Amino acid sequence: MVAKIKYGKSIRGILIYNETKVEQKEASIIMASGFAVDIDKLNLDQKIQRFKNLTDLNPTVKTNSMHISLNFDAADKLDLHKVQQIAQVYMEQIGFGEQPYIAYQHLDAAHPHIHIATTLMQKDGKRMYTHNMGRLVSEPARKAIELEFDLIKAEGRKLGNQLTIKPAKYGQKPTKQTINSIVVSVRRHYAFTSLAEFNAILGQFNIRADRGKEETTMFEKKGLLYSILDEKRNPIGVPIKASSFYDQPTLKNLEKDFQAGMVKRKPFKENLKKRIDWVMQKYNSFTRSTLVNELAKQQIALVFRQNEKGMIYGLTFVDHKLKTVFNGSDIGKDFSARAITEKFAARDHIRTYLKPNQATHFLGNPLEPLLEKADYDAPTIIGKKKKKKKSNQQNL
């Protein structure tokens, strides 16, 4: 199980997000605590008011809300009663058992998960202590719950085994739901440092983030639209504004991801370089498709950056194993577009390490090279050399 905690300045926004999911049949309320009546009998305004009664006790506290998500492995055996128990135990163990909260079960991702909306304000007007809550309180609670409810442990598992992002297919699910699920997963798990790199990853799952043309108002105001791509890599359907998603994957927020990505991806550069180099060293030259397929076996996707005339001006390597992305030139000059495309050929030429004439000898008589050598080499005498006798003749 993985627990994520976010703090907010408005419980209204958190509730609207979850209640909208309920209206769209992408979520359902599974339990509530701290309400005088059944939660099903309350409308949105009444739910908000329950929390507002507490936040109004101390208006000087700006960050007064908390949004929790508990994420489970797809292989976990869960039923409604078990999920309700987990939500209750988690809230008690992090010290929020007496706080009002609502738990929602979401159906908008490949893995089971629930969201919990609550407030940080207590009935005495004091704010709940949350400093280092993730490390000091939430982590021990998570581990205890994994043992108590026999859940698959998050710690020690490889990220590649946990993450399964399915490529978008237009029309299968609501467009916004599909885009949101993929964008959230990519931002959470991959390290990238630019919009182009972000799009290189999104493109693997048939999604694109578009700023529009440079002369447009949208570009100048740093607007961003998300679209699903069809089989020909063209946008299909109505694009959706970044600001309309709950997690706000706007360019302004992505720029924070770019800065974090600079640090996160550093340890993985050398490993990616070795795996690419291992593929390239197998060939003197190769076809474009061979390179793409060989890299795919290493869980590396090769993205070609081309201009309108089809000329390749850059390469981007998306590492699905280590969840990083690098431009070829950032890895080294031998991995730039120019260096690699110079090795492109009409057919593959596998590198060999034996000379042809050497290989031919061993297909015939293995002793032949030795016999030939015996015809031309002078014999070698092993033993002591005899000393020459001194001449008795003297010079007169």
Protein backbone atom coordinates (compact mmCIF):
# COMPACT_ATOMS: atom_id res chain seq x y z
CA MET A 1 0.00 0.00 0.00
CA VAL A 2 1.18 3.51 -0.79
CA ALA A 3 -0.15 6.52 1.15
CA LYS A 4 -0.06 10.03 -0.31
CA ILE A 5 -0.88 13.14 1.72
CA LYS A 6 -1.63 16.59 0.33
CA TYR A 7 -2.49 19.70 2.33
CA GLY A 8 -4.88 22.37 1.10
CA LYS A 9 -6.37 25.75 1.92
CA SER A 10 -9.93 24.84 0.97
CA ILE A 11 -11.92 21.77 1.93
CA ARG A 12 -14.45 22.92 -0.66
CA GLY A 13 -12.07 22.17 -3.55
CA ILE A 14 -11.24 18.71 -2.19
CA LEU A 15 -14.91 17.81 -1.76
CA ILE A 16 -15.93 19.18 -5.16
CA TYR A 17 -13.23 17.07 -6.82
CA ASN A 18 -14.42 13.87 -5.15
CA GLU A 19 -18.14 14.61 -5.46
CA THR A 20 -17.68 15.31 -9.18
CA LYS A 21 -16.10 11.86 -9.50
CA VAL A 22 -19.18 10.42 -7.79
CA GLU A 23 -21.50 12.22 -10.22
CA GLN A 24 -19.47 10.87 -13.15
CA LYS A 25 -19.71 7.37 -11.64
CA GLU A 26 -15.93 7.25 -11.30
CA ALA A 27 -16.10 7.08 -7.49
CA SER A 28 -18.44 6.30 -4.61
CA ILE A 29 -18.64 7.24 -0.94
CA ILE A 30 -17.77 4.17 1.11
CA MET A 31 -17.79 5.66 4.61
CA ALA A 32 -17.84 8.82 6.70
CA SER A 33 -17.00 9.65 10.30
CA GLY A 34 -17.92 12.57 12.54
CA PHE A 35 -21.27 13.37 10.94
CA ALA A 36 -24.52 13.51 12.94
CA VAL A 37 -26.59 11.94 10.15
CA ASP A 38 -26.02 9.40 7.40
CA ILE A 39 -23.69 10.86 4.78
CA ASP A 40 -26.06 9.80 1.99
CA LYS A 41 -28.66 12.25 3.30
CA LEU A 42 -26.37 15.27 2.96
CA ASN A 43 -25.84 17.36 -0.16
CA LEU A 44 -22.53 18.96 -1.13
CA ASP A 45 -23.17 22.25 0.71
CA GLN A 46 -24.09 20.43 3.91
CA LYS A 47 -20.92 18.34 3.73
CA ILE A 48 -18.83 21.45 3.22
CA GLN A 49 -20.55 23.19 6.13
CA ARG A 50 -19.65 20.35 8.51
CA PHE A 51 -15.96 21.02 7.89
CA LYS A 52 -16.45 24.79 7.73
CA ASN A 53 -17.83 24.75 11.27
CA LEU A 54 -14.32 23.78 12.37
CA THR A 55 -12.24 25.91 10.01
CA ASP A 56 -14.23 29.01 11.02
CA LEU A 57 -13.06 28.56 14.62
CA ASN A 58 -9.62 29.85 13.62
CA PRO A 59 -9.67 31.84 10.34
CA THR A 60 -5.99 32.78 10.75
CA VAL A 61 -4.99 29.21 9.84
CA LYS A 62 -4.77 29.17 6.04
CA THR A 63 -3.70 25.58 5.40
CA ASN A 64 -6.59 23.83 7.08
CA SER A 65 -7.45 20.78 4.93
CA MET A 66 -5.94 17.42 4.08
CA HIS A 67 -6.48 15.09 1.13
CA ILE A 68 -5.20 11.53 1.50
CA SER A 69 -4.99 8.77 -1.09
CA LEU A 70 -4.38 5.13 -0.18
CA ASN A 71 -3.19 3.14 -3.19
CA PHE A 72 -3.21 -0.65 -3.36
CA ASP A 73 -1.52 -3.17 -5.61
CA ALA A 74 -3.73 -4.61 -8.34
CA ALA A 75 -3.09 -8.08 -6.89
CA ASP A 76 -4.44 -7.18 -3.43
CA LYS A 77 -7.62 -9.06 -2.51
CA LEU A 78 -10.02 -6.32 -1.43
CA ASP A 79 -13.73 -6.12 -0.79
CA LEU A 80 -15.79 -3.15 0.40
CA HIS A 81 -15.71 -4.14 4.07
CA LYS A 82 -11.93 -4.60 4.04
CA VAL A 83 -11.35 -1.22 2.37
CA GLN A 84 -13.62 0.47 4.93
CA GLN A 85 -11.66 -1.12 7.76
CA ILE A 86 -8.35 -0.01 6.25
CA ALA A 87 -9.56 3.58 5.94
CA GLN A 88 -10.75 3.63 9.56
CA VAL A 89 -7.59 2.04 10.97
CA TYR A 90 -5.33 4.36 8.95
CA MET A 91 -7.13 7.50 10.18
CA GLU A 92 -6.93 6.29 13.78
CA GLN A 93 -3.23 5.44 13.55
CA ILE A 94 -2.26 8.83 12.12
CA GLY A 95 -4.20 10.54 14.93
CA PHE A 96 -7.24 11.66 12.90
CA GLY A 97 -9.76 9.17 14.32
CA GLU A 98 -11.71 11.95 16.07
CA GLN A 99 -11.70 14.26 13.05
CA PRO A 100 -14.63 14.33 10.61
CA TYR A 101 -13.74 12.71 7.28
CA ILE A 102 -15.28 11.21 4.15
CA ALA A 103 -13.73 8.25 2.29
CA TYR A 104 -14.27 7.79 -1.44
CA GLN A 105 -13.40 4.71 -3.48
CA HIS A 106 -12.15 5.78 -6.94
CA LEU A 107 -12.46 3.75 -10.12
CA ASP A 108 -10.42 5.98 -12.45
CA ALA A 109 -7.07 4.13 -12.46
CA ALA A 110 -5.66 0.67 -13.12
CA HIS A 111 -5.03 0.04 -9.42
CA PRO A 112 -7.53 0.13 -6.50
CA HIS A 113 -7.35 3.31 -4.43
CA ILE A 114 -9.37 5.47 -2.07
CA HIS A 115 -9.36 9.20 -1.28
CA ILE A 116 -10.06 10.64 2.17
CA ALA A 117 -11.10 14.28 2.72
CA THR A 118 -10.67 15.79 6.18
CA THR A 119 -9.77 18.98 8.03
CA LEU A 120 -6.75 19.89 10.14
CA MET A 121 -8.83 22.03 12.52
CA GLN A 122 -9.94 20.51 15.83
CA LYS A 123 -13.07 21.36 17.81
CA ASP A 124 -11.00 23.51 20.21
CA GLY A 125 -9.86 25.70 17.30
CA LYS A 126 -6.30 24.37 17.28
CA ARG A 127 -4.62 22.98 14.18
CA MET A 128 -3.55 19.32 14.09
CA TYR A 129 0.23 18.84 14.28
CA THR A 130 1.39 17.59 10.87
CA HIS A 131 5.15 18.29 10.75
CA ASN A 132 6.90 15.28 9.15
CA MET A 133 3.61 13.39 9.30
CA GLY A 134 4.47 11.26 6.28
CA ARG A 135 7.71 9.93 7.76
CA LEU A 136 6.85 9.85 11.45
CA VAL A 137 3.21 8.76 11.44
CA SER A 138 1.92 7.71 8.02
CA GLU A 139 4.79 5.34 7.16
CA PRO A 140 4.54 3.28 10.37
CA ALA A 141 0.74 3.16 9.93
CA ARG A 142 1.11 1.98 6.34
CA LYS A 143 3.48 -0.83 7.28
CA ALA A 144 1.27 -1.97 10.15
CA ILE A 145 -1.80 -2.05 7.90
CA GLU A 146 0.06 -4.08 5.26
CA LEU A 147 0.74 -6.75 7.89
CA GLU A 148 -2.69 -6.65 9.54
CA PHE A 149 -4.65 -6.88 6.29
CA ASP A 150 -2.20 -9.07 4.36
CA LEU A 151 -1.52 -6.46 1.67
CA ILE A 152 1.32 -6.55 -0.83
CA LYS A 153 4.17 -4.51 0.62
CA ALA A 154 5.16 -1.35 -1.19
CA GLU A 155 8.64 -1.25 0.32
CA GLY A 156 11.31 -3.17 -1.59
CA ARG A 157 9.20 -3.70 -4.68
CA LYS A 158 10.54 -2.54 -8.03
CA LEU A 159 8.80 0.48 -9.44
CA GLY A 160 8.53 -1.12 -12.83
CA ASN A 161 6.46 -3.94 -11.35
CA GLN A 162 4.13 -1.52 -9.54
CA LEU A 163 3.44 0.77 -12.45
CA THR A 164 1.14 -0.23 -15.26
CA ILE A 165 0.00 2.60 -17.51
CA LYS A 166 -2.25 1.54 -20.34
CA PRO A 167 -2.09 3.61 -23.56
CA ALA A 168 -5.14 5.78 -24.15
CA LYS A 169 -7.74 4.65 -26.66
CA TYR A 170 -10.21 7.31 -27.67
CA GLY A 171 -13.80 6.43 -26.86
CA GLN A 172 -13.15 3.58 -24.41
CA LYS A 173 -13.56 5.83 -21.37
CA PRO A 174 -14.36 9.53 -20.85
CA THR A 175 -11.53 11.60 -22.36
CA LYS A 176 -10.84 13.64 -19.25
CA GLN A 177 -10.67 10.56 -17.05
CA THR A 178 -8.28 8.83 -19.46
CA ILE A 179 -5.95 11.82 -19.78
CA ASN A 180 -5.96 12.53 -16.05
CA SER A 181 -5.05 8.96 -15.12
CA ILE A 182 -2.05 8.90 -17.47
CA VAL A 183 -0.79 12.41 -16.71
CA VAL A 184 -0.96 11.83 -12.95
CA SER A 185 0.94 8.53 -13.24
CA VAL A 186 3.66 10.00 -15.48
CA ARG A 187 4.19 13.03 -13.24
CA ARG A 188 4.35 10.82 -10.18
CA HIS A 189 6.73 8.15 -11.49
CA TYR A 190 8.95 9.62 -14.26
CA ALA A 191 11.78 12.15 -14.09
CA PHE A 192 11.81 14.72 -16.94
CA THR A 193 13.29 18.20 -17.36
CA SER A 194 11.33 19.88 -20.18
CA LEU A 195 7.96 19.92 -21.90
CA ALA A 196 9.49 18.09 -24.87
CA GLU A 197 10.72 15.30 -22.58
CA PHE A 198 7.35 15.21 -20.81
CA ASN A 199 5.66 14.81 -24.19
CA ALA A 200 8.11 12.08 -25.17
CA ILE A 201 6.83 10.06 -22.22
CA LEU A 202 3.16 10.99 -22.70
CA GLY A 203 3.45 9.99 -26.36
CA GLN A 204 4.19 6.43 -25.27
CA PHE A 205 0.64 6.36 -23.90
CA ASN A 206 -1.03 8.31 -26.75
CA ILE A 207 -1.30 11.65 -24.92
CA ARG A 208 0.09 15.08 -25.84
CA ALA A 209 0.41 18.38 -23.98
CA ASP A 210 0.25 21.28 -26.44
CA ARG A 211 1.11 24.96 -25.92
CA GLY A 212 -0.16 25.99 -29.33
CA LYS A 213 1.73 28.04 -31.90
CA GLU A 214 4.17 30.68 -30.70
CA GLU A 215 2.21 33.66 -32.01
CA THR A 216 -1.01 32.66 -30.22
CA THR A 217 -2.38 34.14 -27.01
CA MET A 218 -2.41 30.70 -25.40
CA PHE A 219 1.34 30.31 -25.96
CA GLU A 220 2.11 33.78 -24.59
CA LYS A 221 0.04 33.13 -21.46
CA LYS A 222 1.66 29.71 -20.98
CA GLY A 223 -1.58 27.85 -21.56
CA LEU A 224 -1.59 24.09 -22.03
CA LEU A 225 -4.07 21.71 -23.65
CA TYR A 226 -4.09 17.93 -23.30
CA SER A 227 -5.33 15.62 -26.06
CA ILE A 228 -5.55 11.92 -26.88
CA LEU A 229 -3.63 10.86 -30.01
CA ASP A 230 -4.91 8.53 -32.71
CA GLU A 231 -2.92 5.81 -34.50
CA LYS A 232 -1.34 8.43 -36.80
CA ARG A 233 -0.22 10.49 -33.79
CA ASN A 234 -2.80 13.21 -34.47
CA PRO A 235 -4.97 14.75 -31.72
CA ILE A 236 -8.50 13.38 -31.62
CA GLY A 237 -11.54 14.68 -29.76
CA VAL A 238 -11.89 17.89 -27.76
CA PRO A 239 -8.66 19.03 -26.03
CA ILE A 240 -8.88 19.73 -22.31
CA LYS A 241 -7.33 22.66 -20.44
CA ALA A 242 -4.63 21.79 -17.93
CA SER A 243 -6.26 24.03 -15.32
CA SER A 244 -9.46 21.95 -15.39
CA PHE A 245 -7.75 18.89 -13.87
CA TYR A 246 -7.67 18.53 -10.10
CA ASP A 247 -3.87 18.08 -9.96
CA GLN A 248 -3.39 21.18 -12.15
CA PRO A 249 -0.76 19.89 -14.65
CA THR A 250 -0.27 23.46 -15.95
CA LEU A 251 3.00 24.66 -17.42
CA LYS A 252 3.69 26.61 -14.24
CA ASN A 253 3.39 23.45 -12.14
CA LEU A 254 5.25 21.34 -14.69
CA GLU A 255 8.19 23.71 -14.42
CA LYS A 256 8.52 22.59 -10.80
CA ASP A 257 8.61 19.01 -12.06
CA PHE A 258 11.36 20.00 -14.52
CA GLN A 259 13.54 21.30 -11.67
CA ALA A 260 12.94 18.21 -9.55
CA GLY A 261 13.65 15.97 -12.54
CA MET A 262 17.14 17.44 -12.92
CA VAL A 263 18.07 15.92 -9.58
CA LYS A 264 15.96 12.74 -9.69
CA ARG A 265 17.32 11.43 -12.97
CA LYS A 266 21.05 11.97 -12.35
CA PRO A 267 21.76 8.57 -10.72
CA PHE A 268 20.24 6.71 -13.69
CA LYS A 269 22.13 8.29 -16.58
CA GLU A 270 25.09 5.91 -16.56
CA ASN A 271 22.90 2.81 -16.47
CA LEU A 272 20.88 4.02 -19.45
CA LYS A 273 24.08 4.87 -21.33
CA LYS A 274 25.50 1.36 -20.80
CA ARG A 275 22.32 -0.32 -22.02
CA ILE A 276 22.17 1.79 -25.18
CA ASP A 277 25.88 1.26 -25.81
CA TRP A 278 25.48 -2.51 -25.36
CA VAL A 279 22.90 -2.54 -28.17
CA MET A 280 24.95 -0.35 -30.50
CA GLN A 281 28.17 -2.33 -30.00
CA LYS A 282 26.49 -5.40 -31.51
CA TYR A 283 26.37 -3.74 -34.95
CA ASN A 284 28.68 -1.90 -37.30
CA SER A 285 25.51 -0.46 -38.85
CA PHE A 286 21.80 -1.11 -38.50
CA THR A 287 18.40 -0.23 -39.87
CA ARG A 288 16.26 2.25 -38.00
CA SER A 289 13.72 -0.43 -37.09
CA THR A 290 16.42 -2.76 -35.75
CA LEU A 291 17.71 -0.08 -33.41
CA VAL A 292 14.20 0.69 -32.16
CA ASN A 293 13.40 -2.98 -31.58
CA GLU A 294 16.72 -3.78 -29.89
CA LEU A 295 16.31 -0.84 -27.51
CA ALA A 296 12.73 -1.90 -26.76
CA LYS A 297 14.11 -5.21 -25.45
CA GLN A 298 16.02 -3.09 -22.92
CA GLN A 299 12.79 -1.26 -21.97
CA ILE A 300 14.00 1.85 -23.79
CA ALA A 301 11.76 3.73 -26.22
CA LEU A 302 13.53 5.77 -28.89
CA VAL A 303 11.70 8.94 -29.96
CA PHE A 304 12.83 10.68 -33.16
CA ARG A 305 12.48 14.46 -33.27
CA GLN A 306 11.94 15.48 -36.89
CA ASN A 307 11.20 18.72 -38.73
CA GLU A 308 8.44 19.20 -41.32
CA LYS A 309 10.72 17.83 -44.05
CA GLY A 310 11.28 14.62 -42.12
CA MET A 311 14.88 15.40 -41.18
CA ILE A 312 15.92 13.97 -37.81
CA TYR A 313 17.39 16.71 -35.64
CA GLY A 314 17.25 15.02 -32.24
CA LEU A 315 16.76 11.76 -30.35
CA THR A 316 15.09 11.19 -27.00
CA PHE A 317 15.49 7.99 -24.98
CA VAL A 318 12.59 7.11 -22.67
CA ASP A 319 13.74 4.60 -20.06
CA HIS A 320 10.68 2.69 -18.86
CA LYS A 321 12.81 0.53 -16.57
CA LEU A 322 14.24 3.37 -14.48
CA LYS A 323 11.46 5.89 -15.27
CA THR A 324 13.74 8.57 -16.71
CA VAL A 325 14.15 10.36 -20.03
CA PHE A 326 17.26 11.85 -21.67
CA ASN A 327 18.04 13.50 -24.97
CA GLY A 328 20.83 11.70 -26.81
CA SER A 329 23.12 14.73 -26.68
CA ASP A 330 22.73 14.84 -22.87
CA ILE A 331 24.05 11.28 -22.61
CA GLY A 332 27.11 11.89 -24.80
CA LYS A 333 28.21 12.90 -28.30
CA ASP A 334 28.16 9.26 -29.44
CA PHE A 335 24.43 9.20 -28.70
CA SER A 336 23.47 12.34 -30.57
CA ALA A 337 21.15 12.25 -33.58
CA ARG A 338 24.02 12.84 -35.98
CA ALA A 339 26.25 10.11 -34.51
CA ILE A 340 23.53 7.47 -34.48
CA THR A 341 21.89 8.25 -37.83
CA GLU A 342 25.31 7.96 -39.48
CA LYS A 343 25.13 4.25 -38.59
CA PHE A 344 21.79 3.77 -40.33
CA ALA A 345 21.94 1.42 -43.33
CA ALA A 346 19.62 -0.48 -45.65
CA ARG A 347 20.47 -3.71 -43.83
CA ASP A 348 22.05 -4.77 -40.55
CA HIS A 349 25.77 -5.47 -40.33
CA ILE A 350 26.54 -7.42 -37.18
CA ARG A 351 29.96 -6.79 -35.70
CA THR A 352 32.35 -9.78 -35.77
CA TYR A 353 35.55 -10.14 -33.81
CA LEU A 354 37.31 -12.90 -35.85
CA LYS A 355 39.02 -12.27 -39.17
CA PRO A 356 37.48 -14.23 -42.07
CA ASN A 357 40.73 -16.06 -43.01
CA GLN A 358 41.23 -17.18 -39.41
CA ALA A 359 37.75 -18.62 -39.28
CA THR A 360 38.31 -20.50 -42.58
CA HIS A 361 41.40 -22.30 -41.26
CA PHE A 362 39.50 -23.81 -38.36
CA LEU A 363 36.72 -25.04 -40.59
CA GLY A 364 39.29 -27.25 -42.36
CA ASN A 365 42.30 -28.84 -40.71
CA PRO A 366 42.95 -27.28 -37.29
CA LEU A 367 46.66 -28.13 -37.62
CA GLU A 368 47.08 -26.44 -40.97
CA PRO A 369 48.30 -23.10 -39.62
CA LEU A 370 50.88 -24.91 -37.51
CA LEU A 371 52.12 -27.02 -40.43
CA GLU A 372 52.50 -23.96 -42.62
CA LYS A 373 54.42 -22.24 -39.89
CA ALA A 374 56.85 -25.20 -39.65
CA ASP A 375 57.86 -24.79 -43.33
CA TYR A 376 59.08 -21.28 -42.85
CA ASP A 377 60.33 -20.97 -39.30
CA ALA A 378 63.93 -21.89 -38.41
CA PRO A 379 64.28 -24.60 -35.76
CA THR A 380 64.80 -23.51 -32.20
CA ILE A 381 67.53 -25.28 -30.18
CA ILE A 382 66.84 -25.67 -26.52
CA GLY A 383 69.80 -26.28 -24.24
CA LYS A 384 73.22 -24.85 -23.44
CA LYS A 385 75.15 -23.19 -26.13
CA LYS A 386 78.71 -24.49 -26.64
CA LYS A 387 81.46 -21.98 -25.97
CA LYS A 388 83.85 -21.30 -28.80
CA LYS A 389 87.43 -22.40 -28.19
CA LYS A 390 89.99 -19.63 -28.00
CA SER A 391 92.46 -19.61 -30.83
CA ASN A 392 96.06 -20.51 -29.94
CA GLN A 393 97.37 -18.32 -32.69
CA GLN A 394 98.98 -15.12 -31.52
CA ASN A 395 99.40 -11.94 -33.40
CA LEU A 396 102.98 -11.26 -34.29
